[in-house]
Amino acid sequence: MIRCSSIDHRTDAAMNKTSESRRVLCRYRYDALDRVAVVDPGAQGAVLRFYQKNRLTVEIQGATRRRVFHGENLLLAEYETEGSVARTDLLATDLQSSVLHALSSEGHQPLGYSPYGH
């Protein structure tokens, strides 16, 4: 289990000492093949992850379910349901499987990022 923690440094003016208080932000649980099986962010519901071979195929968080479809070595689509509402995105990826564009019923959304992440 990996602990994500936040450190809060506070200075006591009277004592001139620094104390650290730590809190767990999220917990990760791994399956027998060392893949992330559960992400538990604490306040929100835990995210369960299911794999087919070495590919993430399903994520479940409460009433929200996401299914990812692959073809050969390409990411093709994402299907998400939340209660009775469903959404499907067709995905355009590059050779490294980075999603560059998503096409849904709401329209086309470019998702490419610069080398600096913007």
PDB file of N, CA and C in Angstrom:
ATOM      1  N   MET A   1       0.846  -1.167   0.000  1.00  0.00           N
ATOM      2  CA  MET A   1       0.000   0.000   0.000  1.00  0.00           C
ATOM      3  C   MET A   1       0.894   1.233   0.000  1.00  0.00           C
ATOM      4  N   ILE A   2       0.627   2.160  -0.899  1.00  0.00           N
ATOM      5  CA  ILE A   2       1.357   3.419  -0.968  1.00  0.00           C
ATOM      6  C   ILE A   2       0.530   4.477  -0.271  1.00  0.00           C
ATOM      7  N   ARG A   3       1.169   5.302   0.515  1.00  0.00           N
ATOM      8  CA  ARG A   3       0.457   6.375   1.196  1.00  0.00           C
ATOM      9  C   ARG A   3       0.748   7.690   0.503  1.00  0.00           C
ATOM     10  N   CYS A   4      -0.298   8.390   0.086  1.00  0.00           N
ATOM     11  CA  CYS A   4      -0.165   9.748  -0.435  1.00  0.00           C
ATOM     12  C   CYS A   4      -0.419  10.656   0.745  1.00  0.00           C
ATOM     13  N   SER A   5       0.499  11.506   1.064  1.00  0.00           N
ATOM     14  CA  SER A   5       0.284  12.330   2.240  1.00  0.00           C
ATOM     15  C   SER A   5       0.518  13.790   1.927  1.00  0.00           C
ATOM     16  N   SER A   6      -0.108  14.611   2.715  1.00  0.00           N
ATOM     17  CA  SER A   6       0.051  16.046   2.616  1.00  0.00           C
ATOM     18  C   SER A   6       0.722  16.512   3.896  1.00  0.00           C
ATOM     19  N   ILE A   7       1.760  17.303   3.776  1.00  0.00           N
ATOM     20  CA  ILE A   7       2.463  17.784   4.957  1.00  0.00           C
ATOM     21  C   ILE A   7       2.123  19.250   5.135  1.00  0.00           C
ATOM     22  N   ASP A   8       1.693  19.589   6.325  1.00  0.00           N
ATOM     23  CA  ASP A   8       1.315  20.955   6.651  1.00  0.00           C
ATOM     24  C   ASP A   8       2.333  21.479   7.657  1.00  0.00           C
ATOM     25  N   HIS A   9       3.163  22.416   7.238  1.00  0.00           N
ATOM     26  CA  HIS A   9       4.155  22.994   8.137  1.00  0.00           C
ATOM     27  C   HIS A   9       3.536  24.211   8.821  1.00  0.00           C
ATOM     28  N   ARG A  10       3.562  24.193  10.133  1.00  0.00           N
ATOM     29  CA  ARG A  10       3.039  25.325  10.899  1.00  0.00           C
ATOM     30  C   ARG A  10       4.134  25.812  11.843  1.00  0.00           C
ATOM     31  N   THR A  11       4.256  27.085  11.997  1.00  0.00           N
ATOM     32  CA  THR A  11       5.263  27.648  12.882  1.00  0.00           C
ATOM     33  C   THR A  11       4.577  28.187  14.121  1.00  0.00           C
ATOM     34  N   ASP A  12       5.050  27.740  15.276  1.00  0.00           N
ATOM     35  CA  ASP A  12       4.548  28.232  16.542  1.00  0.00           C
ATOM     36  C   ASP A  12       5.396  29.445  16.900  1.00  0.00           C
ATOM     37  N   ALA A  13       4.829  30.643  16.855  1.00  0.00           N
ATOM     38  CA  ALA A  13       5.581  31.874  17.072  1.00  0.00           C
ATOM     39  C   ALA A  13       6.174  31.934  18.471  1.00  0.00           C
ATOM     40  N   ALA A  14       5.442  31.462  19.471  1.00  0.00           N
ATOM     41  CA  ALA A  14       5.926  31.533  20.844  1.00  0.00           C
ATOM     42  C   ALA A  14       7.111  30.596  21.063  1.00  0.00           C
ATOM     43  N   MET A  15       7.071  29.408  20.509  1.00  0.00           N
ATOM     44  CA  MET A  15       8.112  28.411  20.735  1.00  0.00           C
ATOM     45  C   MET A  15       9.146  28.400  19.611  1.00  0.00           C
ATOM     46  N   ASN A  16       8.820  29.050  18.468  1.00  0.00           N
ATOM     47  CA  ASN A  16       9.675  29.077  17.291  1.00  0.00           C
ATOM     48  C   ASN A  16      10.057  27.662  16.844  1.00  0.00           C
ATOM     49  N   LYS A  17       9.080  26.764  16.855  1.00  0.00           N
ATOM     50  CA  LYS A  17       9.287  25.384  16.426  1.00  0.00           C
ATOM     51  C   LYS A  17       8.394  25.101  15.229  1.00  0.00           C
ATOM     52  N   THR A  18       8.826  24.184  14.401  1.00  0.00           N
ATOM     53  CA  THR A  18       8.026  23.762  13.255  1.00  0.00           C
ATOM     54  C   THR A  18       7.518  22.357  13.511  1.00  0.00           C
ATOM     55  N   SER A  19       6.208  22.142  13.334  1.00  0.00           N
ATOM     56  CA  SER A  19       5.638  20.802  13.503  1.00  0.00           C
ATOM     57  C   SER A  19       5.035  20.352  12.181  1.00  0.00           C
ATOM     58  N   GLU A  20       4.987  19.055  11.993  1.00  0.00           N
ATOM     59  CA  GLU A  20       4.389  18.489  10.787  1.00  0.00           C
ATOM     60  C   GLU A  20       3.148  17.710  11.172  1.00  0.00           C
ATOM     61  N   SER A  21       2.078  17.952  10.461  1.00  0.00           N
ATOM     62  CA  SER A  21       0.893  17.107  10.626  1.00  0.00           C
ATOM     63  C   SER A  21       0.652  16.441   9.282  1.00  0.00           C
ATOM     64  N   ARG A  22       0.409  15.143   9.313  1.00  0.00           N
ATOM     65  CA  ARG A  22       0.243  14.383   8.079  1.00  0.00           C
ATOM     66  C   ARG A  22      -1.150  13.797   8.031  1.00  0.00           C
ATOM     67  N   ARG A  23      -1.684  13.716   6.822  1.00  0.00           N
ATOM     68  CA  ARG A  23      -2.958  13.041   6.624  1.00  0.00           C
ATOM     69  C   ARG A  23      -2.892  12.257   5.325  1.00  0.00           C
ATOM     70  N   VAL A  24      -3.572  11.147   5.287  1.00  0.00           N
ATOM     71  CA  VAL A  24      -3.584  10.288   4.110  1.00  0.00           C
ATOM     72  C   VAL A  24      -4.552  10.878   3.091  1.00  0.00           C
ATOM     73  N   LEU A  25      -4.083  11.121   1.869  1.00  0.00           N
ATOM     74  CA  LEU A  25      -4.933  11.652   0.804  1.00  0.00           C
ATOM     75  C   LEU A  25      -5.590  10.537   0.009  1.00  0.00           C
ATOM     76  N   CYS A  26      -4.865   9.460  -0.224  1.00  0.00           N
ATOM     77  CA  CYS A  26      -5.433   8.330  -0.946  1.00  0.00           C
ATOM     78  C   CYS A  26      -4.633   7.070  -0.633  1.00  0.00           C
ATOM     79  N   ARG A  27      -5.285   5.933  -0.840  1.00  0.00           N
ATOM     80  CA  ARG A  27      -4.642   4.637  -0.645  1.00  0.00           C
ATOM     81  C   ARG A  27      -4.739   3.863  -1.950  1.00  0.00           C
ATOM     82  N   TYR A  28      -3.699   3.134  -2.267  1.00  0.00           N
ATOM     83  CA  TYR A  28      -3.657   2.307  -3.469  1.00  0.00           C
ATOM     84  C   TYR A  28      -3.538   0.854  -3.040  1.00  0.00           C
ATOM     85  N   ARG A  29      -4.310  -0.006  -3.688  1.00  0.00           N
ATOM     86  CA  ARG A  29      -4.200  -1.444  -3.448  1.00  0.00           C
ATOM     87  C   ARG A  29      -3.875  -2.111  -4.773  1.00  0.00           C
ATOM     88  N   TYR A  30      -3.012  -3.103  -4.716  1.00  0.00           N
ATOM     89  CA  TYR A  30      -2.517  -3.764  -5.923  1.00  0.00           C
ATOM     90  C   TYR A  30      -2.995  -5.200  -5.981  1.00  0.00           C
ATOM     91  N   ASP A  31      -3.133  -5.725  -7.205  1.00  0.00           N
ATOM     92  CA  ASP A  31      -3.496  -7.132  -7.368  1.00  0.00           C
ATOM     93  C   ASP A  31      -2.220  -7.978  -7.399  1.00  0.00           C
ATOM     94  N   ALA A  32      -2.379  -9.267  -7.618  1.00  0.00           N
ATOM     95  CA  ALA A  32      -1.242 -10.186  -7.596  1.00  0.00           C
ATOM     96  C   ALA A  32      -0.242  -9.929  -8.718  1.00  0.00           C
ATOM     97  N   LEU A  33      -0.655  -9.249  -9.779  1.00  0.00           N
ATOM     98  CA  LEU A  33       0.242  -8.931 -10.892  1.00  0.00           C
ATOM     99  C   LEU A  33       0.830  -7.526 -10.768  1.00  0.00           C
ATOM    100  N   ASP A  34       0.708  -6.916  -9.577  1.00  0.00           N
ATOM    101  CA  ASP A  34       1.256  -5.600  -9.264  1.00  0.00           C
ATOM    102  C   ASP A  34       0.631  -4.479 -10.090  1.00  0.00           C
ATOM    103  N   ARG A  35      -0.665  -4.611 -10.393  1.00  0.00           N
ATOM    104  CA  ARG A  35      -1.419  -3.562 -11.074  1.00  0.00           C
ATOM    105  C   ARG A  35      -2.298  -2.878 -10.037  1.00  0.00           C
ATOM    106  N   VAL A  36      -2.565  -1.591 -10.232  1.00  0.00           N
ATOM    107  CA  VAL A  36      -3.431  -0.864  -9.301  1.00  0.00           C
ATOM    108  C   VAL A  36      -4.841  -1.425  -9.428  1.00  0.00           C
ATOM    109  N   ALA A  37      -5.359  -2.001  -8.340  1.00  0.00           N
ATOM    110  CA  ALA A  37      -6.691  -2.605  -8.365  1.00  0.00           C
ATOM    111  C   ALA A  37      -7.728  -1.705  -7.707  1.00  0.00           C
ATOM    112  N   VAL A  38      -7.333  -0.928  -6.694  1.00  0.00           N
ATOM    113  CA  VAL A  38      -8.259  -0.039  -5.989  1.00  0.00           C
ATOM    114  C   VAL A  38      -7.538   1.267  -5.687  1.00  0.00           C
ATOM    115  N   VAL A  39      -8.189   2.379  -6.005  1.00  0.00           N
ATOM    116  CA  VAL A  39      -7.719   3.701  -5.612  1.00  0.00           C
ATOM    117  C   VAL A  39      -8.775   4.244  -4.668  1.00  0.00           C
ATOM    118  N   ASP A  40      -8.383   4.508  -3.427  1.00  0.00           N
ATOM    119  CA  ASP A  40      -9.334   4.982  -2.426  1.00  0.00           C
ATOM    120  C   ASP A  40      -8.937   6.384  -1.986  1.00  0.00           C
ATOM    121  N   PRO A  41      -9.583   7.436  -2.561  1.00  0.00           N
ATOM    122  CA  PRO A  41      -9.236   8.802  -2.202  1.00  0.00           C
ATOM    123  C   PRO A  41      -9.849   9.285  -0.889  1.00  0.00           C
ATOM    124  N   GLY A  42     -10.450   8.400  -0.121  1.00  0.00           N
ATOM    125  CA  GLY A  42     -10.970   8.772   1.186  1.00  0.00           C
ATOM    126  C   GLY A  42     -12.359   9.360   1.119  1.00  0.00           C
ATOM    127  N   ALA A  43     -12.471  10.685   0.948  1.00  0.00           N
ATOM    128  CA  ALA A  43     -13.769  11.357   0.977  1.00  0.00           C
ATOM    129  C   ALA A  43     -14.676  10.912  -0.166  1.00  0.00           C
ATOM    130  N   GLN A  44     -14.100  10.657  -1.331  1.00  0.00           N
ATOM    131  CA  GLN A  44     -14.878  10.171  -2.468  1.00  0.00           C
ATOM    132  C   GLN A  44     -14.911   8.657  -2.398  1.00  0.00           C
ATOM    133  N   GLY A  45     -15.748   8.046  -3.200  1.00  0.00           N
ATOM    134  CA  GLY A  45     -15.815   6.591  -3.220  1.00  0.00           C
ATOM    135  C   GLY A  45     -14.582   5.975  -3.856  1.00  0.00           C
ATOM    136  N   ALA A  46     -14.260   4.761  -3.443  1.00  0.00           N
ATOM    137  CA  ALA A  46     -13.111   4.053  -3.999  1.00  0.00           C
ATOM    138  C   ALA A  46     -13.348   3.722  -5.467  1.00  0.00           C
ATOM    139  N   VAL A  47     -12.281   3.706  -6.240  1.00  0.00           N
ATOM    140  CA  VAL A  47     -12.330   3.357  -7.659  1.00  0.00           C
ATOM    141  C   VAL A  47     -11.780   1.944  -7.806  1.00  0.00           C
ATOM    142  N   LEU A  48     -12.615   1.028  -8.293  1.00  0.00           N
ATOM    143  CA  LEU A  48     -12.188  -0.346  -8.543  1.00  0.00           C
ATOM    144  C   LEU A  48     -11.733  -0.444  -9.983  1.00  0.00           C
ATOM    145  N   ARG A  49     -10.606  -1.112 -10.225  1.00  0.00           N
ATOM    146  CA  ARG A  49     -10.063  -1.239 -11.580  1.00  0.00           C
ATOM    147  C   ARG A  49      -9.939  -2.707 -11.947  1.00  0.00           C
ATOM    148  N   PHE A  50     -10.358  -3.032 -13.175  1.00  0.00           N
ATOM    149  CA  PHE A  50     -10.287  -4.397 -13.678  1.00  0.00           C
ATOM    150  C   PHE A  50      -9.511  -4.402 -14.987  1.00  0.00           C
ATOM    151  N   TYR A  51      -8.699  -5.420 -15.155  1.00  0.00           N
ATOM    152  CA  TYR A  51      -7.795  -5.515 -16.300  1.00  0.00           C
ATOM    153  C   TYR A  51      -8.099  -6.749 -17.129  1.00  0.00           C
ATOM    154  N   GLN A  52      -7.787  -6.673 -18.412  1.00  0.00           N
ATOM    155  CA  GLN A  52      -7.819  -7.819 -19.306  1.00  0.00           C
ATOM    156  C   GLN A  52      -6.420  -7.887 -19.906  1.00  0.00           C
ATOM    157  N   LYS A  53      -5.723  -8.962 -19.584  1.00  0.00           N
ATOM    158  CA  LYS A  53      -4.285  -9.062 -19.867  1.00  0.00           C
ATOM    159  C   LYS A  53      -3.624  -7.906 -19.126  1.00  0.00           C
ATOM    160  N   ASN A  54      -2.880  -7.050 -19.763  1.00  0.00           N
ATOM    161  CA  ASN A  54      -2.228  -5.932 -19.071  1.00  0.00           C
ATOM    162  C   ASN A  54      -2.907  -4.598 -19.321  1.00  0.00           C
ATOM    163  N   ARG A  55      -4.131  -4.619 -19.834  1.00  0.00           N
ATOM    164  CA  ARG A  55      -4.830  -3.380 -20.180  1.00  0.00           C
ATOM    165  C   ARG A  55      -5.974  -3.108 -19.220  1.00  0.00           C
ATOM    166  N   LEU A  56      -6.056  -1.859 -18.781  1.00  0.00           N
ATOM    167  CA  LEU A  56      -7.190  -1.434 -17.972  1.00  0.00           C
ATOM    168  C   LEU A  56      -8.432  -1.464 -18.850  1.00  0.00           C
ATOM    169  N   THR A  57      -9.477  -2.159 -18.415  1.00  0.00           N
ATOM    170  CA  THR A  57     -10.691  -2.256 -19.232  1.00  0.00           C
ATOM    171  C   THR A  57     -11.920  -1.690 -18.541  1.00  0.00           C
ATOM    172  N   VAL A  58     -11.998  -1.772 -17.209  1.00  0.00           N
ATOM    173  CA  VAL A  58     -13.184  -1.302 -16.490  1.00  0.00           C
ATOM    174  C   VAL A  58     -12.759  -0.558 -15.231  1.00  0.00           C
ATOM    175  N   GLU A  59     -13.430   0.578 -14.972  1.00  0.00           N
ATOM    176  CA  GLU A  59     -13.304   1.300 -13.703  1.00  0.00           C
ATOM    177  C   GLU A  59     -14.701   1.493 -13.147  1.00  0.00           C
ATOM    178  N   ILE A  60     -14.859   1.250 -11.853  1.00  0.00           N
ATOM    179  CA  ILE A  60     -16.151   1.432 -11.192  1.00  0.00           C
ATOM    180  C   ILE A  60     -15.937   2.321  -9.975  1.00  0.00           C
ATOM    181  N   GLN A  61     -16.721   3.409  -9.903  1.00  0.00           N
ATOM    182  CA  GLN A  61     -16.696   4.301  -8.748  1.00  0.00           C
ATOM    183  C   GLN A  61     -18.133   4.641  -8.405  1.00  0.00           C
ATOM    184  N   GLY A  62     -18.668   3.972  -7.394  1.00  0.00           N
ATOM    185  CA  GLY A  62     -20.063   4.167  -7.021  1.00  0.00           C
ATOM    186  C   GLY A  62     -20.979   3.773  -8.160  1.00  0.00           C
ATOM    187  N   ALA A  63     -21.844   4.702  -8.590  1.00  0.00           N
ATOM    188  CA  ALA A  63     -22.780   4.425  -9.686  1.00  0.00           C
ATOM    189  C   ALA A  63     -22.159   4.659 -11.062  1.00  0.00           C
ATOM    190  N   THR A  64     -20.932   5.183 -11.107  1.00  0.00           N
ATOM    191  CA  THR A  64     -20.266   5.463 -12.378  1.00  0.00           C
ATOM    192  C   THR A  64     -19.422   4.270 -12.806  1.00  0.00           C
ATOM    193  N   ARG A  65     -19.606   3.850 -14.050  1.00  0.00           N
ATOM    194  CA  ARG A  65     -18.839   2.745 -14.618  1.00  0.00           C
ATOM    195  C   ARG A  65     -18.243   3.187 -15.947  1.00  0.00           C
ATOM    196  N   ARG A  66     -16.951   2.920 -16.113  1.00  0.00           N
ATOM    197  CA  ARG A  66     -16.255   3.249 -17.358  1.00  0.00           C
ATOM    198  C   ARG A  66     -15.680   1.981 -17.954  1.00  0.00           C
ATOM    199  N   ARG A  67     -15.886   1.816 -19.242  1.00  0.00           N
ATOM    200  CA  ARG A  67     -15.345   0.663 -19.975  1.00  0.00           C
ATOM    201  C   ARG A  67     -14.519   1.210 -21.124  1.00  0.00           C
ATOM    202  N   VAL A  68     -13.309   0.694 -21.284  1.00  0.00           N
ATOM    203  CA  VAL A  68     -12.405   1.130 -22.338  1.00  0.00           C
ATOM    204  C   VAL A  68     -12.260  -0.001 -23.342  1.00  0.00           C
ATOM    205  N   PHE A  69     -12.379   0.330 -24.632  1.00  0.00           N
ATOM    206  CA  PHE A  69     -12.282  -0.670 -25.694  1.00  0.00           C
ATOM    207  C   PHE A  69     -10.971  -0.499 -26.451  1.00  0.00           C
ATOM    208  N   HIS A  70     -10.288  -1.628 -26.661  1.00  0.00           N
ATOM    209  CA  HIS A  70      -9.010  -1.656 -27.365  1.00  0.00           C
ATOM    210  C   HIS A  70      -9.156  -2.480 -28.631  1.00  0.00           C
ATOM    211  N   GLY A  71      -8.370  -2.164 -29.634  1.00  0.00           N
ATOM    212  CA  GLY A  71      -8.277  -2.969 -30.847  1.00  0.00           C
ATOM    213  C   GLY A  71      -6.812  -3.143 -31.182  1.00  0.00           C
ATOM    214  N   GLU A  72      -6.360  -4.372 -31.204  1.00  0.00           N
ATOM    215  CA  GLU A  72      -4.938  -4.680 -31.353  1.00  0.00           C
ATOM    216  C   GLU A  72      -4.178  -3.883 -30.306  1.00  0.00           C
ATOM    217  N   ASN A  73      -3.337  -2.957 -30.679  1.00  0.00           N
ATOM    218  CA  ASN A  73      -2.592  -2.155 -29.702  1.00  0.00           C
ATOM    219  C   ASN A  73      -3.097  -0.721 -29.622  1.00  0.00           C
ATOM    220  N   LEU A  74      -4.339  -0.488 -30.045  1.00  0.00           N
ATOM    221  CA  LEU A  74      -4.880   0.865 -30.086  1.00  0.00           C
ATOM    222  C   LEU A  74      -6.057   1.030 -29.133  1.00  0.00           C
ATOM    223  N   LEU A  75      -6.135   2.194 -28.525  1.00  0.00           N
ATOM    224  CA  LEU A  75      -7.274   2.566 -27.709  1.00  0.00           C
ATOM    225  C   LEU A  75      -8.344   3.097 -28.651  1.00  0.00           C
ATOM    226  N   LEU A  76      -9.567   2.541 -28.597  1.00  0.00           N
ATOM    227  CA  LEU A  76     -10.606   2.897 -29.568  1.00  0.00           C
ATOM    228  C   LEU A  76     -11.720   3.766 -29.003  1.00  0.00           C
ATOM    229  N   ALA A  77     -12.249   3.396 -27.830  1.00  0.00           N
ATOM    230  CA  ALA A  77     -13.428   4.091 -27.316  1.00  0.00           C
ATOM    231  C   ALA A  77     -13.524   3.951 -25.806  1.00  0.00           C
ATOM    232  N   GLU A  78     -14.320   4.852 -25.220  1.00  0.00           N
ATOM    233  CA  GLU A  78     -14.644   4.787 -23.797  1.00  0.00           C
ATOM    234  C   GLU A  78     -16.159   4.884 -23.666  1.00  0.00           C
ATOM    235  N   TYR A  79     -16.728   3.998 -22.868  1.00  0.00           N
ATOM    236  CA  TYR A  79     -18.170   3.975 -22.622  1.00  0.00           C
ATOM    237  C   TYR A  79     -18.368   4.203 -21.131  1.00  0.00           C
ATOM    238  N   GLU A  80     -19.148   5.216 -20.769  1.00  0.00           N
ATOM    239  CA  GLU A  80     -19.363   5.560 -19.365  1.00  0.00           C
ATOM    240  C   GLU A  80     -20.848   5.599 -19.061  1.00  0.00           C
ATOM    241  N   THR A  81     -21.241   4.996 -17.954  1.00  0.00           N
ATOM    242  CA  THR A  81     -22.626   5.077 -17.486  1.00  0.00           C
ATOM    243  C   THR A  81     -22.630   5.590 -16.055  1.00  0.00           C
ATOM    244  N   GLU A  82     -23.612   6.422 -15.772  1.00  0.00           N
ATOM    245  CA  GLU A  82     -23.851   6.887 -14.408  1.00  0.00           C
ATOM    246  C   GLU A  82     -25.353   6.809 -14.197  1.00  0.00           C
ATOM    247  N   GLY A  83     -25.775   5.761 -13.490  1.00  0.00           N
ATOM    248  CA  GLY A  83     -27.199   5.503 -13.357  1.00  0.00           C
ATOM    249  C   GLY A  83     -27.762   5.111 -14.708  1.00  0.00           C
ATOM    250  N   SER A  84     -28.754   5.862 -15.197  1.00  0.00           N
ATOM    251  CA  SER A  84     -29.358   5.542 -16.498  1.00  0.00           C
ATOM    252  C   SER A  84     -28.790   6.397 -17.636  1.00  0.00           C
ATOM    253  N   VAL A  85     -27.828   7.275 -17.335  1.00  0.00           N
ATOM    254  CA  VAL A  85     -27.224   8.146 -18.346  1.00  0.00           C
ATOM    255  C   VAL A  85     -25.959   7.479 -18.891  1.00  0.00           C
ATOM    256  N   ALA A  86     -25.872   7.380 -20.222  1.00  0.00           N
ATOM    257  CA  ALA A  86     -24.712   6.749 -20.861  1.00  0.00           C
ATOM    258  C   ALA A  86     -24.034   7.733 -21.806  1.00  0.00           C
ATOM    259  N   ARG A  87     -22.711   7.609 -21.935  1.00  0.00           N
ATOM    260  CA  ARG A  87     -21.943   8.441 -22.853  1.00  0.00           C
ATOM    261  C   ARG A  87     -20.879   7.570 -23.509  1.00  0.00           C
ATOM    262  N   THR A  88     -20.699   7.732 -24.807  1.00  0.00           N
ATOM    263  CA  THR A  88     -19.678   6.999 -25.551  1.00  0.00           C
ATOM    264  C   THR A  88     -18.776   7.995 -26.259  1.00  0.00           C
ATOM    265  N   ASP A  89     -17.472   7.815 -26.129  1.00  0.00           N
ATOM    266  CA  ASP A  89     -16.491   8.644 -26.823  1.00  0.00           C
ATOM    267  C   ASP A  89     -15.652   7.761 -27.728  1.00  0.00           C
ATOM    268  N   LEU A  90     -15.576   8.122 -29.011  1.00  0.00           N
ATOM    269  CA  LEU A  90     -14.634   7.482 -29.921  1.00  0.00           C
ATOM    270  C   LEU A  90     -13.325   8.242 -29.801  1.00  0.00           C
ATOM    271  N   LEU A  91     -12.211   7.524 -29.710  1.00  0.00           N
ATOM    272  CA  LEU A  91     -10.936   8.154 -29.404  1.00  0.00           C
ATOM    273  C   LEU A  91      -9.952   8.032 -30.559  1.00  0.00           C
ATOM    274  N   ALA A  92      -9.220   9.106 -30.821  1.00  0.00           N
ATOM    275  CA  ALA A  92      -8.125   9.096 -31.797  1.00  0.00           C
ATOM    276  C   ALA A  92      -6.828   9.220 -31.014  1.00  0.00           C
ATOM    277  N   THR A  93      -5.924   8.262 -31.210  1.00  0.00           N
ATOM    278  CA  THR A  93      -4.684   8.225 -30.441  1.00  0.00           C
ATOM    279  C   THR A  93      -3.468   8.247 -31.358  1.00  0.00           C
ATOM    280  N   ASP A  94      -2.316   8.531 -30.764  1.00  0.00           N
ATOM    281  CA  ASP A  94      -1.059   8.426 -31.503  1.00  0.00           C
ATOM    282  C   ASP A  94      -0.435   7.060 -31.224  1.00  0.00           C
ATOM    283  N   LEU A  95       0.771   6.840 -31.706  1.00  0.00           N
ATOM    284  CA  LEU A  95       1.421   5.536 -31.556  1.00  0.00           C
ATOM    285  C   LEU A  95       1.748   5.188 -30.101  1.00  0.00           C
ATOM    286  N   GLN A  96       1.826   6.188 -29.227  1.00  0.00           N
ATOM    287  CA  GLN A  96       2.095   5.944 -27.811  1.00  0.00           C
ATOM    288  C   GLN A  96       0.810   5.786 -27.000  1.00  0.00           C
ATOM    289  N   SER A  97      -0.331   5.713 -27.664  1.00  0.00           N
ATOM    290  CA  SER A  97      -1.660   5.585 -27.045  1.00  0.00           C
ATOM    291  C   SER A  97      -2.090   6.823 -26.275  1.00  0.00           C
ATOM    292  N   SER A  98      -1.512   7.980 -26.581  1.00  0.00           N
ATOM    293  CA  SER A  98      -1.991   9.237 -26.002  1.00  0.00           C
ATOM    294  C   SER A  98      -3.241   9.653 -26.765  1.00  0.00           C
ATOM    295  N   VAL A  99      -4.293  10.017 -26.055  1.00  0.00           N
ATOM    296  CA  VAL A  99      -5.542  10.425 -26.703  1.00  0.00           C
ATOM    297  C   VAL A  99      -5.380  11.849 -27.228  1.00  0.00           C
ATOM    298  N   LEU A 100      -5.571  12.027 -28.535  1.00  0.00           N
ATOM    299  CA  LEU A 100      -5.430  13.334 -29.171  1.00  0.00           C
ATOM    300  C   LEU A 100      -6.774  13.996 -29.436  1.00  0.00           C
ATOM    301  N   HIS A 101      -7.812  13.194 -29.714  1.00  0.00           N
ATOM    302  CA  HIS A 101      -9.152  13.713 -30.004  1.00  0.00           C
ATOM    303  C   HIS A 101     -10.187  12.750 -29.441  1.00  0.00           C
ATOM    304  N   ALA A 102     -11.315  13.308 -29.032  1.00  0.00           N
ATOM    305  CA  ALA A 102     -12.453  12.497 -28.592  1.00  0.00           C
ATOM    306  C   ALA A 102     -13.689  12.988 -29.330  1.00  0.00           C
ATOM    307  N   LEU A 103     -14.479  12.060 -29.826  1.00  0.00           N
ATOM    308  CA  LEU A 103     -15.702  12.386 -30.554  1.00  0.00           C
ATOM    309  C   LEU A 103     -16.875  11.739 -29.834  1.00  0.00           C
ATOM    310  N   SER A 104     -17.827  12.577 -29.410  1.00  0.00           N
ATOM    311  CA  SER A 104     -19.018  12.074 -28.724  1.00  0.00           C
ATOM    312  C   SER A 104     -20.243  12.720 -29.343  1.00  0.00           C
ATOM    313  N   SER A 105     -21.409  12.432 -28.785  1.00  0.00           N
ATOM    314  CA  SER A 105     -22.639  13.039 -29.298  1.00  0.00           C
ATOM    315  C   SER A 105     -22.656  14.547 -29.056  1.00  0.00           C
ATOM    316  N   GLU A 106     -21.874  15.022 -28.079  1.00  0.00           N
ATOM    317  CA  GLU A 106     -21.787  16.465 -27.816  1.00  0.00           C
ATOM    318  C   GLU A 106     -20.882  17.172 -28.808  1.00  0.00           C
ATOM    319  N   GLY A 107     -20.057  16.423 -29.522  1.00  0.00           N
ATOM    320  CA  GLY A 107     -19.172  17.032 -30.504  1.00  0.00           C
ATOM    321  C   GLY A 107     -17.752  16.520 -30.409  1.00  0.00           C
ATOM    322  N   HIS A 108     -16.873  17.230 -31.106  1.00  0.00           N
ATOM    323  CA  HIS A 108     -15.463  16.874 -31.231  1.00  0.00           C
ATOM    324  C   HIS A 108     -14.656  17.668 -30.205  1.00  0.00           C
ATOM    325  N   GLN A 109     -13.754  17.003 -29.500  1.00  0.00           N
ATOM    326  CA  GLN A 109     -12.937  17.692 -28.511  1.00  0.00           C
ATOM    327  C   GLN A 109     -11.469  17.327 -28.711  1.00  0.00           C
ATOM    328  N   PRO A 110     -10.623  18.294 -29.140  1.00  0.00           N
ATOM    329  CA  PRO A 110      -9.193  18.007 -29.250  1.00  0.00           C
ATOM    330  C   PRO A 110      -8.570  17.938 -27.860  1.00  0.00           C
ATOM    331  N   LEU A 111      -7.708  16.958 -27.635  1.00  0.00           N
ATOM    332  CA  LEU A 111      -7.111  16.763 -26.317  1.00  0.00           C
ATOM    333  C   LEU A 111      -5.593  16.765 -26.358  1.00  0.00           C
ATOM    334  N   GLY A 112      -4.993  17.183 -27.458  1.00  0.00           N
ATOM    335  CA  GLY A 112      -3.541  17.174 -27.572  1.00  0.00           C
ATOM    336  C   GLY A 112      -2.912  18.170 -26.613  1.00  0.00           C
ATOM    337  N   TYR A 113      -1.754  17.815 -26.097  1.00  0.00           N
ATOM    338  CA  TYR A 113      -1.032  18.675 -25.172  1.00  0.00           C
ATOM    339  C   TYR A 113       0.335  18.995 -25.742  1.00  0.00           C
ATOM    340  N   SER A 114       0.858  20.140 -25.374  1.00  0.00           N
ATOM    341  CA  SER A 114       2.214  20.500 -25.773  1.00  0.00           C
ATOM    342  C   SER A 114       3.198  19.716 -24.904  1.00  0.00           C
ATOM    343  N   PRO A 115       4.488  19.770 -25.228  1.00  0.00           N
ATOM    344  CA  PRO A 115       5.465  19.074 -24.386  1.00  0.00           C
ATOM    345  C   PRO A 115       5.471  19.573 -22.944  1.00  0.00           C
ATOM    346  N   TYR A 116       4.901  20.752 -22.695  1.00  0.00           N
ATOM    347  CA  TYR A 116       4.864  21.308 -21.352  1.00  0.00           C
ATOM    348  C   TYR A 116       3.561  21.003 -20.625  1.00  0.00           C
ATOM    349  N   GLY A 117       2.692  20.202 -21.219  1.00  0.00           N
ATOM    350  CA  GLY A 117       1.469  19.774 -20.559  1.00  0.00           C
ATOM    351  C   GLY A 117       0.285  20.708 -20.681  1.00  0.00           C
ATOM    352  N   HIS A 118       0.317  21.700 -21.536  1.00  0.00           N
ATOM    353  CA  HIS A 118      -0.808  22.644 -21.670  1.00  0.00           C
ATOM    354  C   HIS A 118      -1.631  22.290 -22.877  1.00  0.00           C
TER     355      HIS A 118
END
